[in-house]
Protein backbone atom coordinates (compact mmCIF):
# COMPACT_ATOMS: atom_id res chain seq x y z
CA MET A 1 -0.10 -0.21 0.15
CA LYS A 2 1.10 3.58 -0.54
CA GLY A 3 3.11 4.66 2.07
CA ASP A 4 4.88 1.26 3.27
CA ARG A 5 8.07 1.78 4.38
CA VAL A 6 11.41 -0.30 5.50
CA GLU A 7 14.42 0.75 6.98
CA ILE A 8 17.58 -1.47 6.93
CA VAL A 9 20.34 -0.68 8.91
CA VAL A 10 23.72 -2.02 7.62
CA ASP A 11 27.20 -2.74 9.27
CA ALA A 12 29.51 -1.05 6.76
CA GLY A 13 33.02 -1.37 8.55
CA ASP A 14 33.39 0.92 10.74
CA THR A 15 30.14 2.66 10.72
CA THR A 16 26.54 1.94 9.92
CA ARG A 17 24.61 2.64 7.04
CA THR A 18 20.85 3.34 6.69
CA TYR A 19 18.49 2.47 3.81
CA GLU A 20 14.89 3.03 3.44
CA MET A 21 12.50 1.69 0.51
CA VAL A 22 9.16 3.14 0.04
CA ALA A 23 6.07 2.21 -1.88
CA GLY A 24 5.85 5.59 -3.68
CA ARG A 25 2.79 4.90 -5.79
CA ALA A 26 -1.15 3.67 -5.39
CA GLY A 27 -1.42 0.23 -5.37
CA ARG A 28 2.54 -0.85 -4.58
CA ARG A 29 3.54 -2.32 -1.38
CA VAL A 30 7.38 -3.40 0.06
CA GLU A 31 8.03 -6.98 0.51
CA THR A 32 10.92 -8.54 2.63
CA ALA A 33 12.57 -12.09 2.21
CA VAL A 34 15.07 -13.52 3.84
CA ARG A 35 17.05 -16.59 1.61
CA ARG A 36 20.08 -18.43 1.71
CA GLY A 37 21.70 -15.53 3.62
CA VAL A 38 20.46 -12.72 1.74
CA VAL A 39 17.85 -10.07 2.91
CA GLU A 40 15.93 -8.98 -0.30
CA VAL A 41 13.58 -5.77 0.06
CA SER A 42 11.32 -5.15 -3.02
CA GLU A 43 8.76 -2.47 -4.10
CA VAL A 44 5.83 -4.41 -5.99
CA THR A 45 3.15 -3.66 -8.28
CA ARG A 46 -0.48 -5.24 -7.34
CA ASN A 47 0.46 -8.21 -9.44
CA GLY A 48 3.63 -8.84 -7.73
CA THR A 49 5.70 -7.52 -10.39
CA PRO A 50 8.84 -6.28 -8.81
CA VAL A 51 9.53 -2.36 -9.53
CA ARG A 52 12.69 -2.31 -7.43
CA THR A 53 14.92 -4.61 -5.10
CA ALA A 54 17.46 -4.12 -2.63
CA ARG A 55 19.55 -7.07 -1.51
CA PHE A 56 21.81 -6.92 1.39
CA MET A 57 23.97 -9.50 3.20
CA ALA A 58 22.23 -10.80 6.39
CA ASN A 59 24.89 -10.89 8.37
CA ARG A 60 25.74 -7.47 7.43
CA VAL A 61 22.22 -6.42 8.66
CA LEU A 62 21.94 -4.81 12.06
CA ALA A 63 17.96 -3.77 12.17
CA LEU A 64 14.90 -4.44 9.78
CA VAL A 65 12.32 -2.26 10.62
CA GLU A 66 8.80 -2.18 8.77
CA HIS A 67 6.59 0.66 8.99
CA PRO A 68 3.28 -0.28 7.84
CA ALA A 69 1.13 2.83 6.05
CA PRO A 70 -1.34 4.29 8.35
CA PRO A 71 -5.15 3.49 7.71
CA VAL A 72 -6.67 5.45 5.30
CA GLU A 73 -10.48 6.50 6.50
CA GLU A 74 -13.28 6.36 4.10
CA SER A 75 -13.83 9.78 3.79
CA GLU A 76 -9.82 10.62 2.71
CA ARG A 77 -9.82 7.86 -0.04
CA GLU A 78 -9.75 9.15 -3.88
CA GLY A 79 -13.26 8.26 -5.50
């Protein structure tokens, strides 16, 4: 859903780096998956087609924080 956001904090040797993946358009969402030692964060369309993907080595990821989009009330939805 538009507004979904995931923050990834990665160990970069002497410092940490923070990356952010945001679902920027209506109908898109952010999905996370951990496979074979790799953390994969993807922005996908309604059909499940990945638009962009970020991959990180799992042993370097310090934190993975998911921020779901705030609920939208009926009066605020576009018609």
